[in-house]
Amino acid sequence: MANDLELLIEMLPWMVANNGASLSEVAAQFEITNKDALELISQLVVTGPSQDGGGLVDIDFEDAESIYVSDAKSLDRPIKFTSLEATTLLGGLHYLEQFPSLASSEIVAGLITKIQSLLPSLESPISVIAAPIHSAVYEVLASSIESKRAVQISYGAVSKEDVSDRLVDPVQLYVRDDFTYLQAWCRRSQAWRNFRLDRIMAAVQSEQPLEVPVDIVETQESREYLAVIELDKAYYGQLDQVDIITFKEYMWHAVEVQLKVYSRDWLISMILASGGRMRAIGPPDLIQALVERAKGWE
């Protein structure tokens, strides 16, 4: 069955061409239940070129036996983009192009080519660059996940100058907050880890099969640990796996941030690895744990 967006795009022209059709006829045409058809029609009435008065599609569907589209707002005909709309859409597609785990690269490239061919200039009017991902690294990871093989990676962690080699068991690739991550079991740490792909310097598939311990169940973590830290403004971009609650900007190029993280231990490692560019403000247990961990480095 098509997804909801495809159904919405196809449903309105059909209803205009078959004005007065019953709810059951609409459902039968698109091979969905009456309940699903009613929900989609309810979405169509809040659709239109404008949210101002009179800018939405007008459908009378109080009577399930006869549904009438009185004003389709021209959405039953092919859409004609303005130059600004086409440019904006191209920007979104170029952005999506850099996350192959979200959409087929071939489909996205085809849409870009089709839209660009309709513009006065054949050159792309916009360039969008996300965190760079080496295509060779992505291909190795995707292949390793499919073949259920371990993979050797060189990972830059917070600083690309601090590279570590790890043998990991890859599980999935996913996107969060504008970054693509590899979720894997790290054999060195003996724990689940989420590696940012733009920090993976190299990846080589091994001949070893996946060895995720069967007695360790992967859990859906949530960012629940609340802390307050102070950090250099230039280091603010490193906070890629946190939820920012509040922040206060100082005049001396520092920011105080209240945030939530998955793990206190992870935050401790982050602060210690910052080389003094981060400082814990609270809570007390975070400061005490930092002191204890730092003592171990002496």
Protein backbone atom coordinates (compact mmCIF):
# COMPACT_ATOMS: atom_id res chain seq x y z
CA MET A 1 0.00 0.00 0.00
CA ALA A 2 1.22 3.50 -0.77
CA ASN A 3 2.22 5.77 2.09
CA ASP A 4 -0.07 8.54 3.33
CA LEU A 5 1.62 11.30 1.33
CA GLU A 6 1.24 9.38 -1.95
CA LEU A 7 -2.40 8.67 -1.13
CA LEU A 8 -3.13 12.31 -0.34
CA ILE A 9 -1.58 13.41 -3.64
CA GLU A 10 -3.65 10.87 -5.61
CA MET A 11 -6.86 11.12 -3.61
CA LEU A 12 -7.83 14.75 -4.22
CA PRO A 13 -7.78 14.62 -8.06
CA TRP A 14 -9.74 11.35 -7.97
CA MET A 15 -12.37 12.80 -5.64
CA VAL A 16 -12.72 15.87 -7.89
CA ALA A 17 -13.20 13.59 -10.92
CA ASN A 18 -15.66 11.44 -8.95
CA ASN A 19 -17.45 14.15 -6.98
CA GLY A 20 -20.18 12.74 -4.78
CA ALA A 21 -18.51 9.35 -4.27
CA SER A 22 -19.20 7.61 -0.96
CA LEU A 23 -16.62 7.01 1.75
CA SER A 24 -16.65 3.28 1.00
CA GLU A 25 -15.99 3.97 -2.70
CA VAL A 26 -13.01 6.18 -1.83
CA ALA A 27 -11.67 3.48 0.49
CA ALA A 28 -12.13 0.76 -2.13
CA GLN A 29 -10.40 2.84 -4.83
CA PHE A 30 -7.26 3.25 -2.72
CA GLU A 31 -7.43 -0.16 -1.01
CA ILE A 32 -7.68 1.22 2.52
CA THR A 33 -10.24 1.00 5.32
CA ASN A 34 -13.10 3.46 5.71
CA LYS A 35 -11.44 4.74 8.88
CA ASP A 36 -8.14 5.41 7.07
CA ALA A 37 -9.98 7.11 4.21
CA LEU A 38 -11.81 9.40 6.64
CA GLU A 39 -8.56 10.32 8.38
CA LEU A 40 -6.92 11.21 5.05
CA ILE A 41 -9.88 13.34 3.97
CA SER A 42 -9.67 15.11 7.33
CA GLN A 43 -6.04 15.94 6.49
CA LEU A 44 -7.00 17.27 3.06
CA VAL A 45 -9.29 19.92 4.56
CA VAL A 46 -6.34 21.48 6.40
CA THR A 47 -4.29 21.56 3.18
CA GLY A 48 -4.01 24.48 0.80
CA PRO A 49 -1.79 27.23 -0.60
CA SER A 50 -2.55 29.47 2.38
CA GLN A 51 -3.62 29.09 6.01
CA ASP A 52 -5.53 32.38 5.78
CA GLY A 53 -9.28 32.45 5.42
CA GLY A 54 -10.40 30.73 2.24
CA GLY A 55 -6.96 29.29 1.56
CA LEU A 56 -7.74 25.64 2.38
CA VAL A 57 -9.31 22.81 0.39
CA ASP A 58 -13.08 22.74 0.97
CA ILE A 59 -14.67 19.28 1.24
CA ASP A 60 -18.16 18.40 2.46
CA PHE A 61 -17.99 14.94 4.01
CA GLU A 62 -20.55 15.02 6.80
CA ASP A 63 -22.54 12.44 4.87
CA ALA A 64 -20.47 9.29 4.30
CA GLU A 65 -22.67 8.41 1.32
CA SER A 66 -21.73 11.48 -0.68
CA ILE A 67 -18.46 13.39 -0.39
CA TYR A 68 -18.14 16.60 -2.39
CA VAL A 69 -15.03 18.65 -3.14
CA SER A 70 -16.34 22.19 -3.58
CA ASP A 71 -12.94 23.92 -3.89
CA ALA A 72 -9.72 22.00 -4.53
CA LYS A 73 -7.59 25.19 -4.55
CA SER A 74 -6.02 23.97 -7.82
CA LEU A 75 -4.27 21.17 -5.91
CA ASP A 76 -5.98 18.63 -8.19
CA ARG A 77 -3.76 19.87 -11.03
CA PRO A 78 0.04 19.60 -11.49
CA ILE A 79 1.91 22.01 -9.24
CA LYS A 80 3.96 24.78 -10.84
CA PHE A 81 6.91 25.92 -8.73
CA THR A 82 8.18 29.47 -8.58
CA SER A 83 11.97 29.91 -8.83
CA LEU A 84 12.17 30.40 -5.04
CA GLU A 85 10.10 27.26 -4.37
CA ALA A 86 12.19 25.18 -6.79
CA THR A 87 15.42 26.46 -5.25
CA THR A 88 14.19 25.67 -1.75
CA LEU A 89 13.14 22.17 -2.81
CA LEU A 90 16.53 21.60 -4.46
CA GLY A 91 18.25 22.67 -1.24
CA GLY A 92 16.26 20.08 0.70
CA LEU A 93 17.04 17.38 -1.86
CA HIS A 94 20.76 18.21 -1.87
CA TYR A 95 20.68 17.94 1.92
CA LEU A 96 18.82 14.62 1.79
CA GLU A 97 21.30 13.38 -0.82
CA GLN A 98 23.98 13.31 1.87
CA PHE A 99 22.04 10.84 4.04
CA PRO A 100 21.77 7.68 1.92
CA SER A 101 20.31 5.76 4.85
CA LEU A 102 17.17 7.94 4.68
CA ALA A 103 16.36 7.76 0.99
CA SER A 104 17.51 6.10 -2.20
CA SER A 105 20.40 8.09 -3.69
CA GLU A 106 19.20 7.26 -7.21
CA ILE A 107 15.69 8.59 -6.55
CA VAL A 108 16.98 11.79 -4.95
CA ALA A 109 19.48 12.37 -7.77
CA GLY A 110 16.73 11.80 -10.33
CA LEU A 111 14.47 14.38 -8.66
CA ILE A 112 17.31 16.90 -8.56
CA THR A 113 18.01 16.39 -12.27
CA LYS A 114 14.32 16.69 -13.18
CA ILE A 115 13.79 19.92 -11.21
CA GLN A 116 17.03 21.50 -12.45
CA SER A 117 16.04 20.78 -16.05
CA LEU A 118 12.97 22.99 -15.60
CA LEU A 119 14.94 25.96 -14.29
CA PRO A 120 16.44 28.65 -16.55
CA SER A 121 19.96 27.59 -15.51
CA LEU A 122 21.06 23.98 -15.67
CA GLU A 123 23.51 24.60 -12.84
CA SER A 124 22.37 23.93 -9.29
CA PRO A 125 21.43 27.29 -7.70
CA ILE A 126 22.18 26.07 -4.19
CA SER A 127 24.74 23.92 -2.44
CA VAL A 128 24.06 22.26 0.90
CA ILE A 129 26.85 20.52 2.80
CA ALA A 130 26.23 18.42 5.89
CA ALA A 131 28.89 16.65 7.95
CA PRO A 132 31.14 15.00 5.32
CA ILE A 133 30.93 11.22 5.07
CA HIS A 134 33.45 9.19 3.09
CA SER A 135 31.45 7.19 0.55
CA ALA A 136 33.87 4.26 0.86
CA VAL A 137 33.31 4.16 4.63
CA TYR A 138 29.53 4.20 4.20
CA GLU A 139 29.66 1.38 1.63
CA VAL A 140 31.83 -0.81 3.88
CA LEU A 141 29.53 -0.27 6.87
CA ALA A 142 26.36 -0.93 4.87
CA SER A 143 27.90 -4.08 3.40
CA SER A 144 29.04 -5.28 6.84
CA ILE A 145 25.56 -4.82 8.30
CA GLU A 146 23.99 -6.74 5.43
CA SER A 147 26.54 -9.59 5.58
CA LYS A 148 26.60 -9.61 9.41
CA ARG A 149 30.36 -9.15 9.59
CA ALA A 150 32.46 -7.27 12.12
CA VAL A 151 34.27 -4.19 10.86
CA GLN A 152 37.55 -2.52 11.85
CA ILE A 153 37.19 1.25 12.13
CA SER A 154 39.53 4.15 12.88
CA TYR A 155 37.50 6.63 14.92
CA GLY A 156 38.28 10.25 15.73
CA ALA A 157 35.96 10.61 18.76
CA VAL A 158 35.63 14.26 19.87
CA SER A 159 38.88 15.29 18.22
CA LYS A 160 39.98 13.80 14.90
CA GLU A 161 43.53 14.09 16.20
CA ASP A 162 42.72 11.45 18.83
CA VAL A 163 42.13 8.43 16.59
CA SER A 164 41.47 4.98 18.03
CA ASP A 165 41.19 1.64 16.23
CA ARG A 166 38.22 -0.52 17.18
CA LEU A 167 36.72 -3.79 16.07
CA VAL A 168 32.95 -3.37 16.18
CA ASP A 169 29.86 -5.37 15.33
CA PRO A 170 27.62 -3.05 13.26
CA VAL A 171 23.86 -3.17 13.74
CA GLN A 172 22.34 -0.19 11.95
CA LEU A 173 22.92 3.22 10.38
CA TYR A 174 20.60 6.03 11.43
CA VAL A 175 20.31 9.82 11.29
CA ARG A 176 19.82 12.10 14.28
CA ASP A 177 20.25 15.88 14.56
CA ASP A 178 21.85 16.29 11.11
CA PHE A 179 24.42 13.53 11.61
CA THR A 180 24.57 9.91 10.45
CA TYR A 181 25.50 7.39 13.13
CA LEU A 182 26.60 3.76 13.24
CA GLN A 183 25.10 1.78 16.09
CA ALA A 184 27.44 -1.08 16.96
CA TRP A 185 28.73 -3.34 19.71
CA CYS A 186 32.26 -2.18 20.54
CA ARG A 187 34.44 -5.18 21.44
CA ARG A 188 37.07 -2.99 23.09
CA SER A 189 34.57 -1.26 25.40
CA GLN A 190 32.28 -4.30 25.66
CA ALA A 191 29.29 -2.00 25.31
CA TRP A 192 26.92 -0.46 22.75
CA ARG A 193 28.32 2.61 21.05
CA ASN A 194 27.00 5.16 18.53
CA PHE A 195 29.75 6.33 16.15
CA ARG A 196 29.33 9.47 14.02
CA LEU A 197 30.16 8.58 10.43
CA ASP A 198 31.94 11.86 9.71
CA ARG A 199 34.43 10.92 12.46
CA ILE A 200 35.16 7.45 11.06
CA MET A 201 38.45 7.87 9.20
CA ALA A 202 38.56 4.38 7.72
CA ALA A 203 36.56 1.14 7.76
CA VAL A 204 37.59 -2.36 6.69
CA GLN A 205 35.24 -5.33 6.74
CA SER A 206 36.67 -8.33 8.58
CA GLU A 207 36.02 -12.02 8.04
CA GLN A 208 34.73 -12.38 11.59
CA PRO A 209 30.97 -12.82 12.06
CA LEU A 210 29.01 -10.62 14.46
CA GLU A 211 29.67 -11.45 18.11
CA VAL A 212 27.10 -9.48 20.05
CA PRO A 213 26.64 -11.21 23.46
CA VAL A 214 23.23 -12.86 23.56
CA ASP A 215 22.76 -12.03 27.25
CA ILE A 216 23.11 -8.28 26.63
CA VAL A 217 19.94 -6.74 25.30
CA GLU A 218 20.11 -3.48 23.44
CA THR A 219 17.94 -0.84 25.12
CA GLN A 220 16.43 2.33 23.79
CA GLU A 221 18.31 4.94 25.78
CA SER A 222 16.84 8.28 26.71
CA ARG A 223 18.62 11.45 27.69
CA GLU A 224 17.67 11.71 31.33
CA TYR A 225 20.81 12.85 33.19
CA LEU A 226 20.53 16.60 33.83
CA ALA A 227 23.72 18.64 34.23
CA VAL A 228 25.09 22.16 33.87
CA ILE A 229 28.43 22.84 32.20
CA GLU A 230 30.43 25.85 31.08
CA LEU A 231 32.31 25.67 27.80
CA ASP A 232 34.12 27.75 25.24
CA LYS A 233 31.77 29.07 22.52
CA ALA A 234 33.98 27.58 19.83
CA TYR A 235 33.44 24.15 21.40
CA TYR A 236 29.64 24.42 21.42
CA GLY A 237 29.31 22.48 18.17
CA GLN A 238 30.73 19.37 19.84
CA LEU A 239 27.51 18.86 21.82
CA ASP A 240 25.99 16.54 19.22
CA GLN A 241 24.54 13.86 21.53
CA VAL A 242 22.81 16.02 24.13
CA ASP A 243 19.49 17.79 24.61
CA ILE A 244 20.08 21.48 25.27
CA ILE A 245 17.59 22.74 27.88
CA THR A 246 18.86 26.30 28.44
CA PHE A 247 22.01 28.25 27.75
CA LYS A 248 23.48 31.51 29.04
CA GLU A 249 26.06 33.45 27.06
CA TYR A 250 28.89 35.23 28.87
CA MET A 251 30.95 38.14 27.55
CA TRP A 252 34.24 36.26 27.98
CA HIS A 253 33.58 33.85 25.09
CA ALA A 254 31.97 31.20 27.27
CA VAL A 255 28.52 29.61 27.43
CA GLU A 256 26.76 28.03 30.39
CA VAL A 257 24.56 25.17 29.20
CA GLN A 258 21.93 23.13 31.01
CA LEU A 259 21.62 19.83 29.19
CA LYS A 260 20.43 16.26 29.34
CA VAL A 261 22.64 13.35 28.29
CA TYR A 262 22.32 9.58 28.03
CA SER A 263 25.06 8.86 30.55
CA ARG A 264 26.94 10.71 33.28
CA ASP A 265 30.04 8.64 32.50
CA TRP A 266 29.89 9.74 28.86
CA LEU A 267 29.65 13.39 29.92
CA ILE A 268 32.63 12.95 32.26
CA SER A 269 34.71 11.55 29.42
CA MET A 270 33.60 14.41 27.18
CA ILE A 271 34.63 17.05 29.73
CA LEU A 272 38.01 15.47 30.45
CA ALA A 273 38.74 15.05 26.73
CA SER A 274 37.99 18.73 26.06
CA GLY A 275 41.38 19.83 27.34
CA GLY A 276 39.95 22.44 29.69
CA ARG A 277 37.39 23.86 27.25
CA MET A 278 34.56 22.38 29.32
CA ARG A 279 33.90 22.75 33.05
CA ALA A 280 31.21 21.09 35.19
CA ILE A 281 28.96 23.44 37.18
CA GLY A 282 26.58 20.85 38.61
CA PRO A 283 25.09 18.67 39.96
CA PRO A 284 27.46 17.81 42.86
CA ASP A 285 27.68 14.12 41.92
CA LEU A 286 29.01 15.07 38.46
CA ILE A 287 31.73 17.28 39.95
CA GLN A 288 32.72 14.59 42.48
CA ALA A 289 32.85 11.89 39.80
CA LEU A 290 35.01 14.16 37.63
CA VAL A 291 37.47 14.66 40.48
CA GLU A 292 37.67 10.92 41.14
CA ARG A 293 38.17 10.11 37.45
CA ALA A 294 40.84 12.82 37.11
CA LYS A 295 42.73 11.40 40.09
CA GLY A 296 43.02 8.14 38.23
CA TRP A 297 44.81 9.93 35.39
CA GLU A 298 47.63 11.13 37.65
